[in-house]
């Protein structure tokens, strides 16, 4: 009977892997140059958060005397935070970073000054939100653009037509949107 029993063995402890990080002298030199370039950029000296109805702003006071006002909802990571959490902000790296300990969030000040408020997908979402706005000003601008002939033609297509005209002669080349179709077009449901 003893021969039929499986023998339990203690599993071997997991092996720890050490990764080697190799930084070249050229990478270090580039990092030093980037740091020197930052010396001339303004840095944050004070951060103020002003919550209120209709206005929910983060105000950055800069070393050159300017102020940068940023709506809280535009900053990635702060959109759903409580006012008390946002008010507890720390300035890091001699004014090059902002840290919210309650939210475990860090933002890089030079990027904020270039109006980069988060990752590329976050910034795309902000752009879509602005592009989908439906206001009176946007409606007026769209109508004015329509009166001018609508959206301009693709400049790349016009360049191709110009190059073809140079080589083939202007009489032989028409833009693709003016050339006759090779087969008849089917009628759409709206046309029927």
N, C-alpha and C. Protein backbone atom coordinates (compact mmCIF):
# COMPACT_ATOMS: atom_id res chain seq x y z
N UNK A 1 0.79 -1.19 0.00
CA UNK A 1 0.00 0.00 0.00
C UNK A 1 0.84 1.27 0.00
N UNK A 2 1.94 1.18 0.67
CA UNK A 2 2.81 2.34 0.76
C UNK A 2 3.39 2.70 -0.60
N UNK A 3 3.52 1.73 -1.47
CA UNK A 3 4.09 1.98 -2.79
C UNK A 3 3.13 2.75 -3.68
N UNK A 4 1.82 2.66 -3.43
CA UNK A 4 0.83 3.35 -4.26
C UNK A 4 0.66 4.82 -3.90
N UNK A 5 1.10 5.22 -2.76
CA UNK A 5 0.93 6.61 -2.34
C UNK A 5 1.92 7.52 -3.06
N UNK A 6 1.41 8.68 -3.45
CA UNK A 6 2.30 9.66 -4.08
C UNK A 6 3.13 10.34 -3.01
N UNK A 7 4.36 10.56 -3.32
CA UNK A 7 5.26 11.20 -2.38
C UNK A 7 5.16 12.71 -2.59
N UNK A 8 4.87 13.43 -1.52
CA UNK A 8 4.80 14.90 -1.60
C UNK A 8 6.17 15.49 -1.34
N UNK A 9 6.52 16.35 -2.21
CA UNK A 9 7.79 17.04 -2.02
C UNK A 9 7.52 18.52 -1.85
N UNK A 10 8.35 19.16 -1.12
CA UNK A 10 8.22 20.61 -0.98
C UNK A 10 8.70 21.27 -2.26
N UNK A 11 7.87 22.20 -2.79
CA UNK A 11 8.32 22.87 -4.02
C UNK A 11 9.55 23.72 -3.76
N UNK A 12 10.34 23.85 -4.78
CA UNK A 12 11.55 24.66 -4.67
C UNK A 12 11.16 26.13 -4.54
N UNK A 13 11.90 26.86 -3.75
CA UNK A 13 11.57 28.29 -3.62
C UNK A 13 11.76 28.99 -4.98
N UNK A 14 10.95 30.01 -5.26
CA UNK A 14 11.09 30.70 -6.55
C UNK A 14 12.46 31.35 -6.67
N UNK A 15 12.99 31.31 -7.88
CA UNK A 15 14.30 31.91 -8.13
C UNK A 15 14.12 33.41 -8.34
N UNK A 16 14.95 34.16 -7.72
CA UNK A 16 14.93 35.61 -7.89
C UNK A 16 15.81 35.96 -9.08
N UNK A 17 15.26 36.78 -9.95
CA UNK A 17 16.00 37.19 -11.13
C UNK A 17 16.47 38.62 -10.95
N UNK A 18 17.71 38.85 -11.18
CA UNK A 18 18.24 40.20 -11.12
C UNK A 18 18.41 40.71 -12.54
N UNK A 19 17.84 41.87 -12.78
CA UNK A 19 17.96 42.47 -14.10
C UNK A 19 19.10 43.47 -14.10
N UNK A 20 19.85 43.46 -15.15
CA UNK A 20 20.93 44.42 -15.28
C UNK A 20 20.42 45.62 -16.06
N UNK A 21 20.58 46.77 -15.50
CA UNK A 21 20.20 48.00 -16.18
C UNK A 21 21.48 48.67 -16.63
N UNK A 22 21.59 48.84 -17.92
CA UNK A 22 22.80 49.42 -18.47
C UNK A 22 22.45 50.81 -18.99
N UNK A 23 23.11 51.79 -18.44
CA UNK A 23 22.95 53.16 -18.89
C UNK A 23 24.28 53.60 -19.49
N UNK A 24 24.21 54.05 -20.71
CA UNK A 24 25.44 54.45 -21.39
C UNK A 24 25.80 55.88 -21.00
N UNK A 25 27.04 56.23 -21.27
CA UNK A 25 27.50 57.60 -21.00
C UNK A 25 26.73 58.59 -21.87
N UNK A 26 26.40 58.20 -23.09
CA UNK A 26 25.65 59.11 -23.97
C UNK A 26 24.26 59.39 -23.41
N UNK A 27 23.61 58.38 -22.84
CA UNK A 27 22.28 58.59 -22.23
C UNK A 27 22.36 59.51 -21.02
N UNK A 28 23.40 59.35 -20.23
CA UNK A 28 23.59 60.21 -19.07
C UNK A 28 23.85 61.64 -19.52
N UNK A 29 24.67 61.82 -20.56
CA UNK A 29 24.96 63.16 -21.07
C UNK A 29 23.69 63.84 -21.60
N UNK A 30 22.84 63.07 -22.30
CA UNK A 30 21.58 63.64 -22.81
C UNK A 30 20.66 64.05 -21.66
N UNK A 31 20.63 63.25 -20.59
CA UNK A 31 19.80 63.58 -19.42
C UNK A 31 20.30 64.85 -18.74
N UNK A 32 21.60 65.01 -18.66
CA UNK A 32 22.17 66.22 -18.07
C UNK A 32 21.83 67.44 -18.91
N UNK A 33 21.90 67.30 -20.23
CA UNK A 33 21.54 68.42 -21.12
C UNK A 33 20.07 68.80 -20.99
N UNK A 34 19.20 67.80 -20.87
CA UNK A 34 17.77 68.09 -20.68
C UNK A 34 17.54 68.82 -19.37
N UNK A 35 18.27 68.43 -18.33
CA UNK A 35 18.15 69.09 -17.03
C UNK A 35 18.64 70.53 -17.11
N UNK A 36 19.71 70.77 -17.86
CA UNK A 36 20.20 72.15 -18.02
C UNK A 36 19.19 73.00 -18.77
N UNK A 37 18.52 72.41 -19.75
CA UNK A 37 17.51 73.16 -20.50
C UNK A 37 16.34 73.53 -19.61
N UNK A 38 16.04 72.72 -18.61
CA UNK A 38 14.94 73.00 -17.69
C UNK A 38 15.24 74.15 -16.74
N UNK A 39 16.51 74.48 -16.57
CA UNK A 39 16.87 75.56 -15.65
C UNK A 39 16.25 76.88 -16.08
N UNK A 40 16.03 77.07 -17.38
CA UNK A 40 15.48 78.33 -17.87
C UNK A 40 13.96 78.34 -17.88
N UNK A 41 13.33 77.19 -17.69
CA UNK A 41 11.87 77.12 -17.70
C UNK A 41 11.32 77.56 -16.35
N UNK A 42 10.12 78.17 -16.39
CA UNK A 42 9.50 78.56 -15.11
C UNK A 42 9.11 77.32 -14.30
N UNK A 43 9.12 77.49 -13.00
CA UNK A 43 8.77 76.40 -12.09
C UNK A 43 7.65 76.87 -11.17
N UNK A 44 6.95 75.93 -10.59
CA UNK A 44 5.85 76.25 -9.69
C UNK A 44 6.41 76.67 -8.34
N UNK A 45 5.92 77.79 -7.83
CA UNK A 45 6.30 78.23 -6.49
C UNK A 45 5.16 78.03 -5.50
N UNK A 46 3.92 78.02 -6.03
CA UNK A 46 2.75 77.85 -5.16
C UNK A 46 1.60 77.27 -5.98
N UNK A 47 0.80 76.42 -5.35
CA UNK A 47 -0.36 75.83 -5.98
C UNK A 47 -1.59 76.19 -5.15
N UNK A 48 -2.62 76.62 -5.84
CA UNK A 48 -3.85 77.00 -5.16
C UNK A 48 -5.01 76.29 -5.85
N UNK A 49 -5.90 75.71 -5.05
CA UNK A 49 -7.08 75.04 -5.60
C UNK A 49 -8.31 75.83 -5.19
N UNK A 50 -9.10 76.23 -6.18
CA UNK A 50 -10.31 77.00 -5.92
C UNK A 50 -11.54 76.25 -6.42
N UNK A 51 -12.18 75.50 -5.52
CA UNK A 51 -13.42 74.84 -5.92
C UNK A 51 -14.58 75.82 -5.81
N UNK A 52 -15.57 75.61 -6.61
CA UNK A 52 -16.74 76.47 -6.54
C UNK A 52 -17.73 76.09 -7.61
N UNK A 53 -18.94 76.61 -7.50
CA UNK A 53 -19.95 76.30 -8.51
C UNK A 53 -19.57 76.91 -9.86
N UNK A 54 -19.44 76.06 -10.87
CA UNK A 54 -19.10 76.53 -12.20
C UNK A 54 -17.61 76.73 -12.41
N UNK A 55 -16.86 76.95 -11.34
CA UNK A 55 -15.41 77.13 -11.44
C UNK A 55 -14.74 76.14 -10.50
N UNK A 56 -13.94 75.27 -11.06
CA UNK A 56 -13.20 74.29 -10.29
C UNK A 56 -11.78 74.33 -10.85
N UNK A 57 -10.95 75.23 -10.29
CA UNK A 57 -9.68 75.58 -10.93
C UNK A 57 -8.48 75.24 -10.06
N UNK A 58 -7.41 74.86 -10.72
CA UNK A 58 -6.11 74.70 -10.10
C UNK A 58 -5.25 75.85 -10.63
N UNK A 59 -4.73 76.66 -9.74
CA UNK A 59 -3.93 77.83 -10.14
C UNK A 59 -2.48 77.59 -9.75
N UNK A 60 -1.60 77.60 -10.76
CA UNK A 60 -0.17 77.41 -10.54
C UNK A 60 0.50 78.78 -10.59
N UNK A 61 1.16 79.17 -9.51
CA UNK A 61 1.93 80.41 -9.49
C UNK A 61 3.36 80.04 -9.84
N UNK A 62 3.90 80.71 -10.87
CA UNK A 62 5.20 80.34 -11.43
C UNK A 62 6.31 81.26 -10.97
N UNK A 63 7.54 80.78 -11.11
CA UNK A 63 8.71 81.51 -10.66
C UNK A 63 8.94 82.80 -11.45
N UNK A 64 8.41 82.89 -12.68
CA UNK A 64 8.59 84.11 -13.47
C UNK A 64 7.46 85.12 -13.27
N UNK A 65 6.57 84.86 -12.29
CA UNK A 65 5.51 85.81 -11.97
C UNK A 65 4.17 85.51 -12.65
N UNK A 66 4.17 84.64 -13.65
CA UNK A 66 2.92 84.30 -14.33
C UNK A 66 2.11 83.32 -13.50
N UNK A 67 0.84 83.18 -13.91
CA UNK A 67 -0.04 82.18 -13.31
C UNK A 67 -0.63 81.34 -14.43
N UNK A 68 -0.72 80.07 -14.19
CA UNK A 68 -1.35 79.14 -15.12
C UNK A 68 -2.61 78.62 -14.45
N UNK A 69 -3.76 78.84 -15.09
CA UNK A 69 -5.04 78.39 -14.55
C UNK A 69 -5.49 77.18 -15.36
N UNK A 70 -5.76 76.07 -14.67
CA UNK A 70 -6.13 74.82 -15.33
C UNK A 70 -7.44 74.32 -14.73
N UNK A 71 -8.44 74.05 -15.55
CA UNK A 71 -9.66 73.43 -15.02
C UNK A 71 -9.37 72.04 -14.47
N UNK A 72 -9.87 71.74 -13.30
CA UNK A 72 -9.59 70.47 -12.64
C UNK A 72 -10.01 69.28 -13.49
N UNK A 73 -11.15 69.36 -14.16
CA UNK A 73 -11.63 68.21 -14.91
C UNK A 73 -10.77 67.89 -16.12
N UNK A 74 -9.88 68.80 -16.53
CA UNK A 74 -8.98 68.53 -17.65
C UNK A 74 -7.76 67.71 -17.23
N UNK A 75 -7.44 67.68 -15.95
CA UNK A 75 -6.24 66.99 -15.47
C UNK A 75 -6.55 65.52 -15.22
N UNK A 76 -5.80 64.64 -15.86
CA UNK A 76 -5.99 63.21 -15.71
C UNK A 76 -5.68 62.80 -14.27
N UNK A 77 -6.63 62.10 -13.65
CA UNK A 77 -6.46 61.63 -12.29
C UNK A 77 -7.16 62.49 -11.27
N UNK A 78 -7.55 63.72 -11.62
CA UNK A 78 -8.23 64.61 -10.68
C UNK A 78 -9.72 64.75 -10.96
N UNK A 79 -10.20 64.19 -12.07
CA UNK A 79 -11.57 64.44 -12.49
C UNK A 79 -12.60 63.91 -11.49
N UNK A 80 -12.31 62.85 -10.75
CA UNK A 80 -13.30 62.31 -9.82
C UNK A 80 -12.85 62.42 -8.36
N UNK A 81 -11.82 63.19 -8.09
CA UNK A 81 -11.30 63.32 -6.73
C UNK A 81 -12.12 64.33 -5.93
N UNK A 82 -12.12 64.15 -4.61
CA UNK A 82 -12.81 65.07 -3.71
C UNK A 82 -11.99 66.36 -3.56
N UNK A 83 -12.67 67.42 -3.21
CA UNK A 83 -12.01 68.73 -3.07
C UNK A 83 -10.91 68.69 -2.02
N UNK A 84 -11.14 67.96 -0.92
CA UNK A 84 -10.12 67.88 0.14
C UNK A 84 -8.86 67.16 -0.35
N UNK A 85 -9.05 66.14 -1.20
CA UNK A 85 -7.90 65.42 -1.74
C UNK A 85 -7.10 66.29 -2.69
N UNK A 86 -7.79 67.07 -3.50
CA UNK A 86 -7.11 67.92 -4.48
C UNK A 86 -6.37 69.05 -3.77
N UNK A 87 -6.93 69.56 -2.68
CA UNK A 87 -6.30 70.66 -1.96
C UNK A 87 -4.99 70.24 -1.32
N UNK A 88 -4.81 68.96 -1.03
CA UNK A 88 -3.56 68.47 -0.43
C UNK A 88 -2.57 68.12 -1.54
N UNK A 89 -1.89 69.10 -2.03
CA UNK A 89 -0.93 68.91 -3.12
C UNK A 89 0.46 69.33 -2.64
N UNK A 90 1.46 68.61 -3.07
CA UNK A 90 2.84 68.92 -2.72
C UNK A 90 3.61 69.30 -3.96
N UNK A 91 4.56 70.22 -3.82
CA UNK A 91 5.45 70.61 -4.92
C UNK A 91 6.73 69.81 -4.79
N UNK A 92 7.12 69.17 -5.88
CA UNK A 92 8.32 68.32 -5.89
C UNK A 92 9.39 68.88 -6.82
N UNK A 93 10.61 68.42 -6.62
CA UNK A 93 11.71 68.70 -7.55
C UNK A 93 11.94 70.17 -7.84
N UNK A 94 11.95 71.00 -6.81
CA UNK A 94 12.18 72.44 -6.97
C UNK A 94 11.17 73.07 -7.93
N UNK A 95 9.93 72.57 -7.90
CA UNK A 95 8.87 73.17 -8.72
C UNK A 95 8.66 72.52 -10.07
N UNK A 96 9.27 71.36 -10.32
CA UNK A 96 9.07 70.69 -11.62
C UNK A 96 7.99 69.62 -11.56
N UNK A 97 7.47 69.32 -10.38
CA UNK A 97 6.44 68.29 -10.26
C UNK A 97 5.42 68.63 -9.21
N UNK A 98 4.22 68.08 -9.37
CA UNK A 98 3.15 68.19 -8.39
C UNK A 98 2.76 66.78 -7.96
N UNK A 99 2.51 66.60 -6.65
CA UNK A 99 2.18 65.27 -6.13
C UNK A 99 0.98 65.38 -5.21
N UNK A 100 0.01 64.49 -5.43
CA UNK A 100 -1.16 64.37 -4.57
C UNK A 100 -1.03 63.05 -3.82
N UNK A 101 -0.61 63.07 -2.54
CA UNK A 101 -0.37 61.82 -1.81
C UNK A 101 -1.64 61.00 -1.61
N UNK A 102 -2.78 61.64 -1.41
CA UNK A 102 -4.03 60.90 -1.20
C UNK A 102 -4.47 60.16 -2.46
N UNK A 103 -4.07 60.66 -3.61
CA UNK A 103 -4.49 60.07 -4.89
C UNK A 103 -3.39 59.25 -5.55
N UNK A 104 -2.17 59.29 -4.98
CA UNK A 104 -1.00 58.65 -5.58
C UNK A 104 -0.85 59.10 -7.03
N UNK A 105 -0.82 60.42 -7.22
CA UNK A 105 -0.79 61.02 -8.54
C UNK A 105 0.34 62.03 -8.62
N UNK A 106 1.10 61.98 -9.72
CA UNK A 106 2.17 62.94 -9.97
C UNK A 106 1.96 63.54 -11.34
N UNK A 107 2.15 64.86 -11.46
CA UNK A 107 2.07 65.54 -12.75
C UNK A 107 3.35 66.35 -12.94
N UNK A 108 3.81 66.40 -14.17
CA UNK A 108 5.06 67.07 -14.54
C UNK A 108 4.74 68.50 -14.98
N UNK A 109 5.29 69.48 -14.29
CA UNK A 109 4.95 70.88 -14.52
C UNK A 109 5.31 71.37 -15.93
N UNK A 110 6.50 71.07 -16.49
CA UNK A 110 6.76 71.54 -17.85
C UNK A 110 5.72 71.04 -18.86
N UNK A 111 5.19 69.84 -18.66
CA UNK A 111 4.12 69.36 -19.55
C UNK A 111 2.84 70.13 -19.33
N UNK A 112 2.51 70.43 -18.08
CA UNK A 112 1.30 71.21 -17.80
C UNK A 112 1.38 72.59 -18.43
N UNK A 113 2.57 73.18 -18.44
CA UNK A 113 2.74 74.51 -19.04
C UNK A 113 2.61 74.45 -20.56
N UNK A 114 2.86 73.27 -21.15
CA UNK A 114 2.65 73.08 -22.59
C UNK A 114 1.24 72.58 -22.88
N UNK A 115 0.39 72.60 -21.84
CA UNK A 115 -1.01 72.18 -21.92
C UNK A 115 -1.18 70.69 -22.24
N UNK A 116 -0.26 69.89 -21.73
CA UNK A 116 -0.38 68.43 -21.82
C UNK A 116 -0.84 67.99 -20.44
N UNK A 117 -2.11 67.61 -20.33
CA UNK A 117 -2.72 67.35 -19.03
C UNK A 117 -2.86 65.87 -18.71
N UNK A 118 -2.29 64.99 -19.53
CA UNK A 118 -2.37 63.56 -19.27
C UNK A 118 -1.77 62.78 -20.42
N UNK A 119 -2.11 61.50 -20.50
CA UNK A 119 -1.59 60.63 -21.55
C UNK A 119 -2.17 61.03 -22.90
N UNK A 120 -1.65 60.46 -23.97
CA UNK A 120 -2.13 60.82 -25.31
C UNK A 120 -3.59 60.42 -25.49
N UNK A 121 -4.01 59.29 -24.92
CA UNK A 121 -5.42 58.91 -25.05
C UNK A 121 -6.31 59.86 -24.25
N UNK A 122 -5.83 60.35 -23.12
CA UNK A 122 -6.59 61.33 -22.32
C UNK A 122 -6.74 62.63 -23.10
N UNK A 123 -5.65 63.09 -23.72
CA UNK A 123 -5.70 64.34 -24.48
C UNK A 123 -6.61 64.18 -25.70
N UNK A 124 -6.63 63.00 -26.31
CA UNK A 124 -7.54 62.75 -27.44
C UNK A 124 -8.98 62.85 -26.99
N UNK A 125 -9.27 62.33 -25.80
CA UNK A 125 -10.64 62.41 -25.27
C UNK A 125 -11.04 63.86 -25.03
N UNK A 126 -10.11 64.68 -24.54
CA UNK A 126 -10.41 66.10 -24.35
C UNK A 126 -10.69 66.76 -25.69
N UNK A 127 -9.90 66.42 -26.71
CA UNK A 127 -10.11 66.98 -28.05
C UNK A 127 -11.45 66.57 -28.63
N UNK A 128 -11.83 65.30 -28.45
CA UNK A 128 -13.13 64.84 -28.95
C UNK A 128 -14.26 65.57 -28.24
N UNK A 129 -14.09 65.79 -26.94
CA UNK A 129 -15.12 66.50 -26.18
C UNK A 129 -15.30 67.92 -26.72
N UNK A 130 -14.18 68.57 -27.06
CA UNK A 130 -14.28 69.92 -27.62
C UNK A 130 -14.83 69.90 -29.03
N UNK A 131 -14.46 68.89 -29.82
CA UNK A 131 -14.94 68.79 -31.19
C UNK A 131 -16.41 68.45 -31.29
N UNK A 132 -16.95 67.82 -30.25
CA UNK A 132 -18.37 67.45 -30.29
C UNK A 132 -19.25 68.51 -29.66
N UNK A 133 -18.66 69.63 -29.29
CA UNK A 133 -19.44 70.70 -28.66
C UNK A 133 -20.49 71.21 -29.64
N UNK A 134 -21.67 71.51 -29.10
CA UNK A 134 -22.77 72.00 -29.93
C UNK A 134 -23.23 73.32 -29.35
N UNK A 135 -22.62 74.38 -29.80
CA UNK A 135 -22.98 75.68 -29.29
C UNK A 135 -23.29 76.63 -30.43
N UNK A 136 -23.77 77.79 -30.06
CA UNK A 136 -24.14 78.81 -31.05
C UNK A 136 -22.91 79.28 -31.83
N UNK A 137 -21.78 79.43 -31.16
CA UNK A 137 -20.56 79.89 -31.84
C UNK A 137 -20.10 78.88 -32.87
N UNK A 138 -20.14 77.58 -32.52
CA UNK A 138 -19.73 76.55 -33.47
C UNK A 138 -20.68 76.51 -34.66
N UNK A 139 -21.97 76.68 -34.40
CA UNK A 139 -22.96 76.67 -35.49
C UNK A 139 -22.71 77.83 -36.44
N UNK A 140 -22.43 79.02 -35.88
CA UNK A 140 -22.15 80.19 -36.74
C UNK A 140 -20.90 79.97 -37.58
N UNK A 141 -19.85 79.41 -36.96
CA UNK A 141 -18.60 79.16 -37.69
C UNK A 141 -18.81 78.14 -38.80
N UNK A 142 -19.59 77.09 -38.54
CA UNK A 142 -19.84 76.08 -39.57
C UNK A 142 -20.62 76.68 -40.74
N UNK A 143 -21.59 77.53 -40.44
CA UNK A 143 -22.36 78.17 -41.52
C UNK A 143 -21.48 79.11 -42.34
N UNK A 144 -20.62 79.86 -41.65
CA UNK A 144 -19.72 80.77 -42.37
C UNK A 144 -18.77 79.98 -43.26
N UNK A 145 -18.28 78.85 -42.78
CA UNK A 145 -17.40 78.00 -43.57
C UNK A 145 -18.15 77.43 -44.77
N UNK A 146 -19.41 77.07 -44.59
CA UNK A 146 -20.22 76.57 -45.68
C UNK A 146 -20.44 77.60 -46.76
N UNK A 147 -20.60 78.85 -46.37
CA UNK A 147 -20.78 79.92 -47.35
C UNK A 147 -19.52 80.15 -48.19
N UNK A 148 -18.37 79.78 -47.63
CA UNK A 148 -17.11 79.94 -48.36
C UNK A 148 -16.82 78.74 -49.26
N UNK A 149 -17.73 77.78 -49.30
CA UNK A 149 -17.50 76.62 -50.16
C UNK A 149 -17.23 75.36 -49.38
N UNK A 150 -17.37 75.38 -48.07
CA UNK A 150 -17.18 74.18 -47.27
C UNK A 150 -15.73 73.90 -46.95
N UNK A 151 -15.49 72.68 -46.54
CA UNK A 151 -14.14 72.25 -46.17
C UNK A 151 -13.24 72.27 -47.39
N UNK A 152 -12.03 72.80 -47.26
CA UNK A 152 -11.12 72.85 -48.42
C UNK A 152 -10.76 71.44 -48.91
N UNK A 153 -10.48 71.33 -50.19
CA UNK A 153 -10.07 70.06 -50.77
C UNK A 153 -8.74 69.63 -50.19
N UNK A 154 -8.49 68.36 -50.26
CA UNK A 154 -7.25 67.79 -49.78
C UNK A 154 -6.09 68.36 -50.60
N UNK A 155 -5.14 69.00 -49.93
CA UNK A 155 -4.01 69.63 -50.63
C UNK A 155 -3.15 68.58 -51.33
N UNK A 156 -3.06 67.37 -50.76
CA UNK A 156 -2.26 66.32 -51.39
C UNK A 156 -2.81 65.93 -52.74
N UNK A 157 -4.15 65.85 -52.88
CA UNK A 157 -4.77 65.49 -54.16
C UNK A 157 -4.51 66.58 -55.19
N UNK A 158 -4.54 67.83 -54.76
CA UNK A 158 -4.28 68.92 -55.70
C UNK A 158 -2.83 68.90 -56.19
N UNK A 159 -1.89 68.51 -55.33
CA UNK A 159 -0.49 68.43 -55.73
C UNK A 159 -0.31 67.33 -56.78
N UNK A 160 -0.99 66.20 -56.60
CA UNK A 160 -0.89 65.10 -57.56
C UNK A 160 -1.40 65.56 -58.92
N UNK A 161 -2.51 66.30 -58.92
CA UNK A 161 -3.07 66.80 -60.18
C UNK A 161 -2.08 67.75 -60.85
N UNK A 162 -1.42 68.61 -60.06
CA UNK A 162 -0.47 69.56 -60.64
C UNK A 162 0.73 68.83 -61.24
N UNK A 163 1.22 67.79 -60.56
CA UNK A 163 2.37 67.04 -61.08
C UNK A 163 1.97 66.30 -62.35
N UNK A 164 0.77 65.69 -62.38
CA UNK A 164 0.32 65.01 -63.60
C UNK A 164 0.18 65.99 -64.75
N UNK A 165 -0.29 67.18 -64.46
CA UNK A 165 -0.46 68.19 -65.49
C UNK A 165 0.89 68.58 -66.09
N UNK A 166 1.93 68.62 -65.25
CA UNK A 166 3.26 68.99 -65.74
C UNK A 166 3.78 67.94 -66.72
N UNK A 167 3.56 66.66 -66.42
CA UNK A 167 4.12 65.60 -67.24
C UNK A 167 3.21 65.18 -68.39
N UNK A 168 1.91 65.26 -68.21
CA UNK A 168 0.97 64.77 -69.23
C UNK A 168 0.35 65.88 -70.07
N UNK A 169 0.46 67.07 -69.64
CA UNK A 169 -0.22 68.17 -70.31
C UNK A 169 -1.53 68.46 -69.61
N UNK A 170 -1.86 69.71 -69.44
CA UNK A 170 -3.02 70.12 -68.66
C UNK A 170 -4.32 69.62 -69.25
N UNK A 171 -4.40 69.44 -70.57
CA UNK A 171 -5.66 69.04 -71.19
C UNK A 171 -6.00 67.59 -70.89
N UNK A 172 -4.99 66.75 -70.62
CA UNK A 172 -5.24 65.32 -70.42
C UNK A 172 -5.60 64.97 -68.98
N UNK A 173 -5.32 65.84 -68.04
CA UNK A 173 -5.49 65.49 -66.64
C UNK A 173 -6.59 66.31 -66.01
N UNK A 174 -7.52 65.61 -65.38
CA UNK A 174 -8.56 66.26 -64.59
C UNK A 174 -8.46 65.68 -63.18
N UNK A 175 -8.81 66.47 -62.17
CA UNK A 175 -8.79 65.92 -60.81
C UNK A 175 -9.69 64.69 -60.73
N UNK A 176 -9.37 63.78 -59.80
CA UNK A 176 -10.10 62.51 -59.70
C UNK A 176 -11.58 62.73 -59.44
N UNK A 177 -11.94 63.81 -58.76
CA UNK A 177 -13.36 64.04 -58.49
C UNK A 177 -14.10 64.58 -59.71
N UNK A 178 -13.37 64.97 -60.75
CA UNK A 178 -14.01 65.45 -61.97
C UNK A 178 -13.95 64.43 -63.09
N UNK A 179 -13.20 63.35 -62.95
CA UNK A 179 -13.06 62.37 -64.01
C UNK A 179 -14.33 61.51 -64.07
N UNK A 180 -14.73 61.12 -65.30
CA UNK A 180 -15.92 60.28 -65.41
C UNK A 180 -15.66 58.91 -64.81
N UNK A 181 -16.71 58.33 -64.25
CA UNK A 181 -16.60 57.00 -63.66
C UNK A 181 -16.53 55.96 -64.76
N UNK A 182 -15.83 54.87 -64.51
CA UNK A 182 -15.67 53.83 -65.51
C UNK A 182 -16.93 52.97 -65.64
N UNK A 183 -17.73 52.86 -64.59
CA UNK A 183 -18.97 52.10 -64.67
C UNK A 183 -20.08 52.94 -64.07
N UNK A 184 -21.32 52.68 -64.45
CA UNK A 184 -22.42 53.49 -63.92
C UNK A 184 -22.55 53.30 -62.41
N UNK A 185 -22.94 54.39 -61.77
CA UNK A 185 -23.10 54.39 -60.32
C UNK A 185 -24.49 53.89 -59.98
N UNK A 186 -24.61 53.10 -58.89
CA UNK A 186 -25.91 52.63 -58.45
C UNK A 186 -26.63 53.75 -57.70
N UNK A 187 -27.92 53.77 -57.82
CA UNK A 187 -28.71 54.76 -57.10
C UNK A 187 -28.80 54.38 -55.63
N UNK A 188 -28.71 55.37 -54.77
CA UNK A 188 -28.82 55.11 -53.35
C UNK A 188 -30.28 55.13 -52.94
N UNK A 189 -30.55 54.71 -51.70
CA UNK A 189 -31.93 54.67 -51.21
C UNK A 189 -32.54 56.07 -51.17
N UNK A 190 -31.75 57.07 -50.92
CA UNK A 190 -32.28 58.45 -50.87
C UNK A 190 -32.69 58.94 -52.25
N UNK A 191 -32.02 58.46 -53.26
CA UNK A 191 -32.32 58.93 -54.63
C UNK A 191 -33.55 58.24 -55.22
N UNK A 192 -33.95 57.14 -54.66
CA UNK A 192 -35.09 56.39 -55.22
C UNK A 192 -36.40 56.95 -54.73
